N, C-alpha and C. Protein backbone atom coordinates (compact mmCIF):
# COMPACT_ATOMS: atom_id res chain seq x y z
N MET A 1 0.84 -1.18 0.00
CA MET A 1 0.00 0.00 0.00
C MET A 1 0.89 1.24 0.00
N THR A 2 0.56 2.20 -0.84
CA THR A 2 1.32 3.44 -0.93
C THR A 2 0.93 4.37 0.21
N PRO A 3 1.92 4.92 0.90
CA PRO A 3 1.58 5.84 2.01
C PRO A 3 0.94 7.11 1.47
N VAL A 4 0.04 7.65 2.24
CA VAL A 4 -0.66 8.88 1.87
C VAL A 4 0.14 10.07 2.38
N THR A 5 0.41 11.01 1.47
CA THR A 5 1.13 12.22 1.85
C THR A 5 0.18 13.40 1.76
N THR A 6 0.14 14.18 2.79
CA THR A 6 -0.70 15.37 2.81
C THR A 6 0.16 16.59 2.53
N LEU A 7 -0.26 17.37 1.54
CA LEU A 7 0.47 18.59 1.19
C LEU A 7 -0.31 19.80 1.68
N SER A 8 0.41 20.76 2.22
CA SER A 8 -0.22 22.00 2.65
C SER A 8 -0.38 22.93 1.45
N ASN A 9 -1.12 24.03 1.64
CA ASN A 9 -1.24 25.03 0.58
C ASN A 9 0.13 25.57 0.20
N HIS A 10 0.99 25.75 1.17
CA HIS A 10 2.34 26.24 0.91
C HIS A 10 3.12 25.23 0.05
N ASP A 11 2.94 23.94 0.34
CA ASP A 11 3.60 22.90 -0.45
C ASP A 11 3.15 22.95 -1.91
N PHE A 12 1.85 23.11 -2.13
CA PHE A 12 1.33 23.19 -3.49
C PHE A 12 1.92 24.40 -4.22
N ALA A 13 2.02 25.51 -3.52
CA ALA A 13 2.54 26.73 -4.15
C ALA A 13 3.97 26.57 -4.61
N GLY A 14 4.72 25.70 -3.96
CA GLY A 14 6.12 25.53 -4.30
C GLY A 14 6.42 24.35 -5.21
N LEU A 15 5.42 23.72 -5.76
CA LEU A 15 5.64 22.54 -6.58
C LEU A 15 6.12 22.88 -8.00
N GLY A 16 7.29 23.42 -8.11
CA GLY A 16 7.91 23.61 -9.41
C GLY A 16 7.31 24.67 -10.30
N ALA A 17 6.26 25.32 -9.91
CA ALA A 17 5.63 26.32 -10.77
C ALA A 17 5.11 27.49 -9.92
N PRO A 18 6.01 28.24 -9.32
CA PRO A 18 5.57 29.32 -8.43
C PRO A 18 4.80 30.42 -9.16
N ASP A 19 4.93 30.49 -10.48
CA ASP A 19 4.23 31.52 -11.24
C ASP A 19 2.93 31.01 -11.86
N LEU A 20 2.55 29.79 -11.55
CA LEU A 20 1.35 29.20 -12.10
C LEU A 20 0.13 29.68 -11.31
N VAL A 21 -0.88 30.15 -12.02
CA VAL A 21 -2.15 30.54 -11.39
C VAL A 21 -3.27 29.85 -12.16
N TYR A 22 -4.41 29.69 -11.53
CA TYR A 22 -5.53 29.11 -12.24
C TYR A 22 -6.71 30.08 -12.25
N VAL A 23 -7.47 29.98 -13.32
CA VAL A 23 -8.63 30.84 -13.53
C VAL A 23 -9.86 29.95 -13.50
N ARG A 24 -10.85 30.35 -12.73
CA ARG A 24 -12.09 29.57 -12.70
C ARG A 24 -13.29 30.49 -12.51
N GLU A 25 -14.43 29.98 -12.94
CA GLU A 25 -15.68 30.73 -12.77
C GLU A 25 -16.02 30.81 -11.29
N ILE A 26 -16.65 31.92 -10.93
CA ILE A 26 -17.14 32.10 -9.56
C ILE A 26 -18.41 32.95 -9.65
N SER A 27 -19.37 32.66 -8.84
CA SER A 27 -20.61 33.44 -8.88
C SER A 27 -20.41 34.76 -8.14
N ALA A 28 -21.03 35.78 -8.65
CA ALA A 28 -20.95 37.10 -8.01
C ALA A 28 -21.51 37.03 -6.59
N ALA A 29 -22.50 36.19 -6.37
CA ALA A 29 -23.08 36.04 -5.02
C ALA A 29 -22.01 35.55 -4.03
N ASP A 30 -21.15 34.64 -4.47
CA ASP A 30 -20.08 34.16 -3.59
C ASP A 30 -19.08 35.26 -3.29
N VAL A 31 -18.79 36.08 -4.28
CA VAL A 31 -17.87 37.21 -4.08
C VAL A 31 -18.48 38.20 -3.10
N LEU A 32 -19.75 38.54 -3.32
CA LEU A 32 -20.42 39.50 -2.45
C LEU A 32 -20.50 39.00 -1.02
N ALA A 33 -20.61 37.69 -0.84
CA ALA A 33 -20.68 37.12 0.51
C ALA A 33 -19.37 37.31 1.26
N ASP A 34 -18.26 37.47 0.53
CA ASP A 34 -16.95 37.66 1.16
C ASP A 34 -16.61 39.12 1.43
N VAL A 35 -17.46 40.03 0.97
CA VAL A 35 -17.20 41.46 1.11
C VAL A 35 -18.05 42.00 2.27
N PRO A 36 -17.47 42.86 3.13
CA PRO A 36 -18.27 43.46 4.19
C PRO A 36 -19.52 44.14 3.61
N ALA A 37 -20.62 44.06 4.34
CA ALA A 37 -21.91 44.55 3.85
C ALA A 37 -21.87 46.00 3.39
N ASP A 38 -21.18 46.88 4.12
CA ASP A 38 -21.14 48.30 3.74
C ASP A 38 -20.39 48.49 2.41
N GLU A 39 -19.38 47.67 2.15
CA GLU A 39 -18.65 47.75 0.89
C GLU A 39 -19.45 47.10 -0.24
N ALA A 40 -20.13 46.00 0.05
CA ALA A 40 -20.93 45.30 -0.97
C ALA A 40 -22.05 46.20 -1.48
N ALA A 41 -22.58 47.04 -0.61
CA ALA A 41 -23.67 47.94 -1.01
C ALA A 41 -23.21 48.95 -2.06
N GLN A 42 -21.92 49.25 -2.10
CA GLN A 42 -21.37 50.22 -3.05
C GLN A 42 -21.05 49.60 -4.40
N LEU A 43 -21.11 48.27 -4.49
CA LEU A 43 -20.77 47.58 -5.74
C LEU A 43 -22.03 47.39 -6.59
N SER A 44 -21.88 47.58 -7.87
CA SER A 44 -23.02 47.36 -8.77
C SER A 44 -22.78 46.05 -9.53
N ILE A 45 -22.95 44.95 -8.80
CA ILE A 45 -22.75 43.62 -9.35
C ILE A 45 -24.05 42.84 -9.18
N ASP A 46 -24.50 42.23 -10.27
CA ASP A 46 -25.67 41.37 -10.23
C ASP A 46 -25.26 40.05 -9.56
N PRO A 47 -25.89 39.68 -8.45
CA PRO A 47 -25.52 38.44 -7.75
C PRO A 47 -25.62 37.20 -8.63
N GLU A 48 -26.41 37.26 -9.69
CA GLU A 48 -26.57 36.12 -10.60
C GLU A 48 -25.46 36.06 -11.65
N GLN A 49 -24.63 37.09 -11.70
CA GLN A 49 -23.57 37.19 -12.71
C GLN A 49 -22.47 36.18 -12.44
N THR A 50 -21.85 35.70 -13.51
CA THR A 50 -20.68 34.83 -13.41
C THR A 50 -19.43 35.68 -13.60
N LEU A 51 -18.50 35.57 -12.67
CA LEU A 51 -17.23 36.28 -12.73
C LEU A 51 -16.12 35.25 -12.87
N PHE A 52 -14.89 35.71 -13.01
CA PHE A 52 -13.75 34.81 -13.15
C PHE A 52 -12.68 35.20 -12.15
N ALA A 53 -12.29 34.24 -11.33
CA ALA A 53 -11.30 34.47 -10.28
C ALA A 53 -9.96 33.89 -10.69
N VAL A 54 -8.91 34.62 -10.33
CA VAL A 54 -7.53 34.16 -10.53
C VAL A 54 -7.03 33.73 -9.15
N HIS A 55 -6.55 32.48 -9.07
CA HIS A 55 -6.07 31.93 -7.80
C HIS A 55 -4.62 31.50 -7.93
N GLY A 56 -3.86 31.71 -6.85
CA GLY A 56 -2.50 31.20 -6.80
C GLY A 56 -2.53 29.69 -6.60
N ALA A 57 -1.38 29.07 -6.77
CA ALA A 57 -1.29 27.61 -6.60
C ALA A 57 -1.70 27.16 -5.21
N ASP A 58 -1.59 28.06 -4.24
CA ASP A 58 -1.99 27.72 -2.87
C ASP A 58 -3.48 27.91 -2.62
N GLY A 59 -4.22 28.33 -3.67
CA GLY A 59 -5.67 28.51 -3.54
C GLY A 59 -6.10 29.91 -3.19
N GLN A 60 -5.16 30.79 -2.87
CA GLN A 60 -5.51 32.15 -2.50
C GLN A 60 -6.08 32.90 -3.71
N ARG A 61 -7.22 33.55 -3.51
CA ARG A 61 -7.82 34.34 -4.58
C ARG A 61 -7.02 35.62 -4.74
N LEU A 62 -6.51 35.84 -5.94
CA LEU A 62 -5.66 36.99 -6.22
C LEU A 62 -6.41 38.13 -6.90
N ALA A 63 -7.39 37.79 -7.73
CA ALA A 63 -8.13 38.80 -8.49
C ALA A 63 -9.46 38.24 -8.93
N ILE A 64 -10.38 39.14 -9.20
CA ILE A 64 -11.69 38.79 -9.75
C ILE A 64 -11.94 39.71 -10.93
N MET A 65 -12.28 39.11 -12.05
CA MET A 65 -12.49 39.87 -13.27
C MET A 65 -13.87 39.56 -13.83
N ALA A 66 -14.35 40.44 -14.70
CA ALA A 66 -15.69 40.29 -15.28
C ALA A 66 -15.76 39.19 -16.33
N ASP A 67 -14.64 38.91 -17.00
CA ASP A 67 -14.66 37.87 -18.03
C ASP A 67 -13.36 37.08 -18.03
N ARG A 68 -13.42 35.93 -18.68
CA ARG A 68 -12.28 35.01 -18.70
C ARG A 68 -11.06 35.63 -19.37
N GLU A 69 -11.27 36.32 -20.48
CA GLU A 69 -10.16 36.92 -21.21
C GLU A 69 -9.43 37.95 -20.36
N SER A 70 -10.17 38.75 -19.60
CA SER A 70 -9.55 39.75 -18.73
C SER A 70 -8.76 39.08 -17.60
N ALA A 71 -9.28 37.98 -17.09
CA ALA A 71 -8.58 37.25 -16.02
C ALA A 71 -7.25 36.71 -16.53
N PHE A 72 -7.26 36.13 -17.74
CA PHE A 72 -6.01 35.62 -18.31
C PHE A 72 -5.05 36.77 -18.61
N ALA A 73 -5.57 37.86 -19.17
CA ALA A 73 -4.72 39.00 -19.51
C ALA A 73 -4.09 39.61 -18.26
N ALA A 74 -4.85 39.71 -17.18
CA ALA A 74 -4.31 40.27 -15.93
C ALA A 74 -3.19 39.39 -15.39
N ALA A 75 -3.39 38.07 -15.46
CA ALA A 75 -2.35 37.15 -14.98
C ALA A 75 -1.08 37.31 -15.81
N VAL A 76 -1.21 37.34 -17.12
CA VAL A 76 -0.05 37.47 -18.00
C VAL A 76 0.63 38.82 -17.78
N ALA A 77 -0.16 39.88 -17.58
CA ALA A 77 0.41 41.20 -17.34
C ALA A 77 1.26 41.24 -16.07
N HIS A 78 0.96 40.35 -15.15
CA HIS A 78 1.73 40.28 -13.90
C HIS A 78 2.75 39.15 -13.94
N GLU A 79 3.10 38.74 -15.16
CA GLU A 79 4.13 37.72 -15.40
C GLU A 79 3.82 36.39 -14.72
N LEU A 80 2.53 36.02 -14.74
CA LEU A 80 2.07 34.74 -14.20
C LEU A 80 1.63 33.85 -15.36
N GLU A 81 1.59 32.57 -15.12
CA GLU A 81 1.20 31.58 -16.14
C GLU A 81 -0.20 31.05 -15.82
N PRO A 82 -1.23 31.58 -16.49
CA PRO A 82 -2.60 31.15 -16.16
C PRO A 82 -3.00 29.83 -16.84
N VAL A 83 -3.77 29.04 -16.11
CA VAL A 83 -4.38 27.83 -16.65
C VAL A 83 -5.86 27.86 -16.26
N SER A 84 -6.67 27.20 -17.05
CA SER A 84 -8.11 27.18 -16.80
C SER A 84 -8.48 25.98 -15.96
N VAL A 85 -9.42 26.18 -15.04
CA VAL A 85 -9.94 25.09 -14.22
C VAL A 85 -11.44 25.05 -14.45
N HIS A 86 -11.95 23.84 -14.70
CA HIS A 86 -13.39 23.71 -14.97
C HIS A 86 -14.09 23.11 -13.78
């Protein structure tokens, strides 16, 4: 039997691709849930809207963009290597 190894978020971030980021769809409602209520009230985002989040290899959300192309462009502009996650 192969032993099970548990990797931390930090371990994942250091796995040979420190500049690798992933882009995935996220609902605007999920984003709004993470924003303090007073700040969320100032945003004009439809909770039903689909947004695109850029995440580091450790899972940390780095950016949220209105469309997939902008998310990839922002990653490349910051010298990161974006990949898509479905």
